[in-house]
Structures are given as C-alpha cells and as structure tokens.
Amino acid sequence: MAGHTRKWAKVKRKKKKDDRRKSRVWARLSQEIETAARNGGGDPDANVALSQALERARDEDMAKDTIERAIKRGTGEIEEEGRERVTYEGYAPHGVAVFVEGETENINRTVKDLRNLFSDHGGNLGKDGSVAYLFEQKGRLAVPTGATDEMTLFEVAVEAGAEEIDEADAAYIVTTRRDAFADVEAALDEAGIAVEANDLVRSPTTTVALAPDEREAVEDLVEKINDLRDVEAVYTTLQIDGVPLTLGVDVAPPAEH
C-alpha cells in the first residue's frame, strides 16, 4: 500500500500543478477578453482583438461560461467584484524566508488565513519588504530538449538577453532578467523554437540548508500555504538537494551542479 500511496500523492501533486497553471492562464485570458470587449465591443466578427483572444481561450479549453462572463464584464453587461494581485512575506521556522504570490477578492480573508498558518507552524507573517530583498525576479522558459539543439538555443537566447541555460527533466531551462523576459520569448518564437512553459519567478539570492527534522517543519508550512485557494506560488530560501523550495510554479530551476 505504501507504494500506491506515494504514487497517488505524486498524481495529486501533478494535478494540482496542472490546475494552478490552467487557473493562471485562464485568469490572464479572461483579462485579455474583457479588455478587448471593453475597447472594441462584444462582437468578435467586428472586433479583431476579441476574436484573437477568444481563439487563444479555446485553445486552452477555457470554459464557455467563463468566456461569456469576461465578454459581459468588458461590455458592462455585468459587474463582478474584481480579484486583486497580492504578495505576502514572512518567516517559516528556523529563519527560512517565505514569499507568497496570489490573487484574491477578499484580502482580509487571505491575510487571516496566512497569519494563522504562520503562527500555528512556528513562523510569522511579516510586513511588506521584510523578505522581498532576498528574492530577485527572473524570467524562466522551458524548452523541450527535442525542440532544438543546445548550441542553437544558446545563440538565439543569449543574443536576446538570456543569462543562463541549464538542462533539467528533458528540458532546457532558460533564465533571463525580468526586463529581458519578453525579448527572449519573442526571439525563441521567431526562431521557431517551441517553449513548453514560461513564467516570471522569484529566485532567492541566498539559501539555507536544514537538518531533516527542521526541513520537514518548513515543508509542512509551505505546503499548507500553497493549498490556500488564493495562493498561486510560494518561494522560499530553503535549499533541498541544491534547489530552492518553490511550490505552484510551472518552471522550476534546475538542480545546482
């Protein structure tokens, strides 16, 4: 049974990651559809921007009712309480810094949930800026190893502003500065190099390694934070097997050599 339990846990983690990715993509597409409808009306036959946004939404299997609500919000037919992008900072046990990204329509609920979790697990929710300086925002793109050879990828990506290229899990991980992210993504697209996943992530500038029992306490807290409905990604300074502990992110960093 232990083997089945581990397998089921792995399946659940993968499904949760896939669901979070879909949630982020749908949220971005909803905003795109809403903006297009607001600027050019709700008829896709007379609104090229809306027509293109709808095509992208269908490619992502976006639910029909979600698409229709986005159009109606744009045209003013319905009003819904908006969701707000939020970030929170704090410390887990043993001095591990934690940076949380999310989206919520109820900030009071989100803050309360986070504060309770930190407190119950021996950590504390901090003020803005308390740990942000320990993380640097980076762009990361995953390119399947079968999509191109490493030399070609290196030439295209570095020329466009990429900082480094590593290999992990049958993919090349291209890391960029935040301000070069769009340029690198555009260069890869122009060169016909397929990108499997891309995201802006928080990369810790320093990490800490803990004993197994201490690490377990931090992992428990981070997993519970990641399970909150308003949380999209959790970044930490905890290093496990050479990689900073990060949950909810499509493009994870490769292991350090």
Protein backbone atom coordinates (compact mmCIF):
# COMPACT_ATOMS: atom_id res chain seq x y z
CA MET A 1 0.00 0.00 0.00
CA ALA A 2 2.88 2.38 0.68
CA GLY A 3 3.84 2.33 -2.99
CA HIS A 4 0.27 3.08 -4.06
CA THR A 5 0.07 5.92 -1.53
CA ARG A 6 3.26 7.53 -2.85
CA LYS A 7 2.06 7.14 -6.44
CA TRP A 8 -1.32 8.69 -5.61
CA ALA A 9 0.37 11.58 -3.81
CA LYS A 10 2.53 12.20 -6.88
CA VAL A 11 -0.54 12.13 -9.14
CA LYS A 12 -2.35 14.61 -6.88
CA ARG A 13 0.65 16.98 -6.88
CA LYS A 14 0.83 16.87 -10.67
CA LYS A 15 -2.90 17.52 -10.99
CA LYS A 16 -2.67 20.43 -8.55
CA LYS A 17 0.21 21.92 -10.55
CA ASP A 18 -1.73 21.50 -13.80
CA ASP A 19 -4.83 23.05 -12.23
CA ARG A 20 -2.83 26.03 -10.97
CA ARG A 21 -1.27 26.58 -14.39
CA LYS A 22 -4.71 26.45 -16.03
CA SER A 23 -6.07 28.86 -13.41
CA ARG A 24 -3.30 31.39 -14.14
CA VAL A 25 -3.68 31.05 -17.92
CA TRP A 26 -7.46 31.42 -17.72
CA ALA A 27 -7.16 34.47 -15.48
CA ARG A 28 -4.80 36.14 -17.96
CA LEU A 29 -7.05 35.26 -20.91
CA SER A 30 -10.16 36.49 -19.08
CA GLN A 31 -8.49 39.85 -18.59
CA GLU A 32 -7.45 39.92 -22.25
CA ILE A 33 -11.01 39.13 -23.41
CA GLU A 34 -12.51 41.70 -21.03
CA THR A 35 -10.13 44.42 -22.23
CA ALA A 36 -10.76 43.63 -25.91
CA ALA A 37 -14.54 43.71 -25.37
CA ARG A 38 -14.31 46.98 -23.45
CA ASN A 39 -12.26 48.64 -26.20
CA GLY A 40 -13.97 47.24 -29.28
CA GLY A 41 -17.33 45.78 -28.30
CA GLY A 42 -18.56 42.25 -27.67
CA ASP A 43 -18.97 41.09 -31.29
CA PRO A 44 -15.89 39.07 -32.34
CA ASP A 45 -16.82 39.47 -36.03
CA ALA A 46 -16.36 43.22 -35.67
CA ASN A 47 -13.54 43.12 -33.10
CA VAL A 48 -10.30 41.52 -34.28
CA ALA A 49 -8.62 41.72 -30.87
CA LEU A 50 -11.56 39.96 -29.23
CA SER A 51 -11.66 37.30 -31.97
CA GLN A 52 -7.97 36.53 -31.45
CA ALA A 53 -8.36 36.41 -27.67
CA LEU A 54 -11.27 34.01 -28.00
CA GLU A 55 -9.24 31.75 -30.26
CA ARG A 56 -6.45 31.59 -27.66
CA ALA A 57 -9.01 30.89 -24.94
CA ARG A 58 -10.49 27.97 -26.89
CA ASP A 59 -7.00 26.58 -27.48
CA GLU A 60 -6.64 26.48 -23.69
CA ASP A 61 -10.03 24.73 -23.28
CA MET A 62 -11.39 27.71 -21.40
CA ALA A 63 -14.96 27.13 -20.20
CA LYS A 64 -17.69 28.73 -22.33
CA ASP A 65 -19.42 30.41 -19.37
CA THR A 66 -16.07 31.88 -18.22
CA ILE A 67 -15.54 33.36 -21.70
CA GLU A 68 -19.06 34.79 -21.78
CA ARG A 69 -18.68 36.42 -18.34
CA ALA A 70 -15.41 38.04 -19.43
CA ILE A 71 -17.08 39.50 -22.53
CA LYS A 72 -20.04 40.80 -20.49
CA ARG A 73 -17.71 42.38 -17.93
CA GLY A 74 -15.95 44.16 -20.77
CA THR A 75 -19.15 45.45 -22.34
CA GLY A 76 -20.56 46.46 -18.95
CA GLU A 77 -23.48 44.00 -19.04
CA ILE A 78 -22.43 42.56 -15.68
CA GLU A 79 -20.29 43.78 -12.81
CA GLU A 80 -18.29 41.43 -10.64
CA GLU A 81 -16.09 42.05 -7.64
CA GLY A 82 -12.59 42.09 -9.04
CA ARG A 83 -9.72 39.92 -7.92
CA GLU A 84 -6.54 41.70 -6.87
CA ARG A 85 -2.97 40.57 -7.27
CA VAL A 86 -1.26 40.32 -3.86
CA THR A 87 2.07 39.38 -2.33
CA TYR A 88 2.90 38.49 1.27
CA GLU A 89 6.14 37.96 3.13
CA GLY A 90 7.15 36.16 6.27
CA TYR A 91 9.42 33.70 8.01
CA ALA A 92 8.93 29.98 8.45
CA PRO A 93 10.59 28.17 11.39
CA HIS A 94 14.41 28.20 11.55
CA GLY A 95 14.72 31.55 9.81
CA VAL A 96 13.57 30.44 6.34
CA ALA A 97 12.23 33.39 4.33
CA VAL A 98 8.89 32.88 2.54
CA PHE A 99 7.48 34.99 -0.30
CA VAL A 100 3.87 34.35 -1.36
CA GLU A 101 2.13 35.42 -4.58
CA GLY A 102 -1.62 35.17 -5.09
CA GLU A 103 -4.85 36.68 -6.28
CA THR A 104 -7.88 37.37 -4.11
CA GLU A 105 -11.21 39.16 -3.99
CA ASN A 106 -11.10 39.22 -0.18
CA ILE A 107 -7.82 40.49 1.24
CA ASN A 108 -8.99 40.23 4.85
CA ARG A 109 -9.68 36.51 4.42
CA THR A 110 -6.34 35.89 2.74
CA VAL A 111 -4.35 37.74 5.40
CA LYS A 112 -6.20 35.94 8.19
CA ASP A 113 -5.59 32.52 6.62
CA LEU A 114 -1.89 33.22 6.13
CA ARG A 115 -1.36 34.73 9.57
CA ASN A 116 -2.98 31.73 11.23
CA LEU A 117 -0.88 29.25 9.25
CA PHE A 118 2.40 31.04 10.00
CA SER A 119 1.52 31.32 13.69
CA ASP A 120 0.36 27.70 14.02
CA HIS A 121 3.60 26.41 12.49
CA GLY A 122 6.12 28.47 14.44
CA GLY A 123 6.60 31.21 11.87
CA ASN A 124 5.33 34.74 11.45
CA LEU A 125 3.74 36.81 8.71
CA GLY A 126 5.86 39.92 8.19
CA LYS A 127 5.43 43.38 6.72
CA ASP A 128 5.97 44.33 3.08
CA GLY A 129 9.70 44.38 2.40
CA SER A 130 10.63 42.12 5.28
CA VAL A 131 11.99 39.38 2.98
CA ALA A 132 11.44 40.73 -0.56
CA TYR A 133 15.06 41.89 -0.74
CA LEU A 134 16.14 38.24 -0.50
CA PHE A 135 14.43 37.37 -3.81
CA GLU A 136 15.17 38.56 -7.33
CA GLN A 137 12.52 38.37 -10.03
CA LYS A 138 13.62 36.35 -13.06
CA GLY A 139 12.09 35.09 -16.26
CA ARG A 140 12.25 31.35 -16.89
CA LEU A 141 11.35 29.44 -20.04
CA ALA A 142 11.35 25.66 -20.51
CA VAL A 143 12.28 24.39 -23.98
CA PRO A 144 11.93 20.64 -24.65
CA THR A 145 15.31 19.11 -25.44
CA GLY A 146 13.81 17.65 -28.62
CA ALA A 147 12.76 21.08 -29.90
CA THR A 148 16.29 22.26 -30.74
CA ASP A 149 19.95 21.61 -30.04
CA GLU A 150 21.65 23.34 -27.15
CA MET A 151 24.04 25.39 -29.33
CA THR A 152 21.23 26.86 -31.42
CA LEU A 153 19.21 27.64 -28.32
CA PHE A 154 22.24 29.24 -26.68
CA GLU A 155 22.92 31.50 -29.67
CA VAL A 156 19.31 32.67 -30.00
CA ALA A 157 18.56 33.08 -26.29
CA VAL A 158 21.81 34.73 -25.21
CA GLU A 159 21.72 37.12 -28.16
CA ALA A 160 18.26 38.22 -26.96
CA GLY A 161 19.43 38.72 -23.37
CA ALA A 162 19.23 35.35 -21.58
CA GLU A 163 21.53 34.97 -18.57
CA GLU A 164 21.99 31.20 -18.50
CA ILE A 165 20.76 27.91 -19.89
CA ASP A 166 20.63 24.66 -17.92
CA GLU A 167 19.13 21.25 -18.54
CA ALA A 168 16.59 19.58 -16.25
CA ASP A 169 13.88 16.94 -16.72
CA ALA A 170 14.18 16.64 -20.54
CA ALA A 171 14.04 20.41 -20.95
CA TYR A 172 16.42 23.33 -21.29
CA ILE A 173 15.73 25.98 -18.64
CA VAL A 174 16.42 29.47 -19.96
CA THR A 175 16.82 32.13 -17.25
CA THR A 176 16.54 35.83 -18.03
CA ARG A 177 16.45 39.15 -16.25
CA ARG A 178 12.89 40.36 -15.74
CA ASP A 179 13.31 43.16 -18.29
CA ALA A 180 14.68 40.74 -20.92
CA PHE A 181 11.97 38.10 -20.49
CA ALA A 182 9.71 39.31 -23.32
CA ASP A 183 12.64 39.82 -25.70
CA VAL A 184 13.95 36.29 -25.17
CA GLU A 185 10.48 34.79 -25.54
CA ALA A 186 9.95 36.71 -28.80
CA ALA A 187 13.35 35.65 -30.15
CA LEU A 188 12.65 31.99 -29.49
CA ASP A 189 9.26 32.28 -31.16
CA GLU A 190 10.77 33.98 -34.20
CA ALA A 191 13.40 31.23 -34.46
CA GLY A 192 10.68 28.58 -34.38
CA ILE A 193 11.85 27.15 -31.04
CA ALA A 194 8.92 25.76 -29.05
CA VAL A 195 8.53 26.91 -25.45
CA GLU A 196 6.85 24.37 -23.19
CA ALA A 197 6.27 26.68 -20.23
CA ASN A 198 7.24 30.17 -19.16
CA ASP A 199 6.78 32.29 -16.09
CA LEU A 200 8.17 35.15 -14.03
CA VAL A 201 9.57 33.67 -10.83
CA ARG A 202 11.28 34.78 -7.62
CA SER A 203 14.79 33.45 -7.27
CA PRO A 204 16.38 33.63 -3.79
CA THR A 205 19.72 35.42 -3.65
CA THR A 206 20.72 33.30 -0.66
CA THR A 207 19.60 29.89 0.61
CA VAL A 208 19.78 27.87 3.83
CA ALA A 209 20.12 24.12 4.35
CA LEU A 210 18.47 22.47 7.36
CA ALA A 211 18.57 19.14 9.15
CA PRO A 212 15.82 16.71 8.03
CA ASP A 213 13.53 17.28 11.02
CA GLU A 214 13.85 21.08 10.74
CA ARG A 215 13.29 20.93 6.98
CA GLU A 216 10.14 18.87 7.47
CA ALA A 217 8.59 21.58 9.65
CA VAL A 218 9.23 24.20 6.96
CA GLU A 219 7.91 21.96 4.17
CA ASP A 220 4.72 21.31 6.12
CA LEU A 221 4.03 25.03 6.47
CA VAL A 222 4.86 25.80 2.84
CA GLU A 223 2.62 23.02 1.54
CA LYS A 224 -0.30 24.29 3.63
CA ILE A 225 0.25 27.84 2.38
CA ASN A 226 0.31 26.55 -1.20
CA ASP A 227 -3.02 24.78 -0.59
CA LEU A 228 -4.83 28.05 0.22
CA ARG A 229 -7.30 28.94 -2.53
CA ASP A 230 -5.91 32.47 -3.01
CA VAL A 231 -2.25 31.39 -3.29
CA GLU A 232 -0.61 30.85 -6.68
CA ALA A 233 3.07 30.44 -5.80
CA VAL A 234 5.29 30.14 -2.73
CA TYR A 235 9.03 30.89 -2.81
CA THR A 236 11.47 30.16 -0.01
CA THR A 237 15.15 30.35 0.84
CA LEU A 238 15.17 26.70 1.91
CA GLN A 239 17.53 24.63 -0.20
CA ILE A 240 16.68 20.97 -0.85
CA ASP A 241 19.04 18.88 -3.00
CA GLY A 242 20.61 22.04 -4.37
CA VAL A 243 17.27 23.61 -5.38
CA PRO A 244 15.29 26.32 -3.53
CA LEU A 245 11.93 25.02 -2.29
CA THR A 246 9.25 26.52 -4.55
CA LEU A 247 5.63 25.44 -4.97
CA GLY A 248 2.99 26.38 -7.54
CA VAL A 249 5.43 27.44 -10.29
CA ASP A 250 5.39 25.93 -13.79
CA VAL A 251 9.09 26.49 -14.46
CA ALA A 252 11.30 25.38 -11.59
CA PRO A 253 15.07 25.98 -11.51
CA PRO A 254 17.40 23.10 -12.36
CA ALA A 255 19.44 21.46 -9.63
CA GLU A 256 22.77 23.09 -8.89
CA HIS A 257 25.82 21.25 -10.10
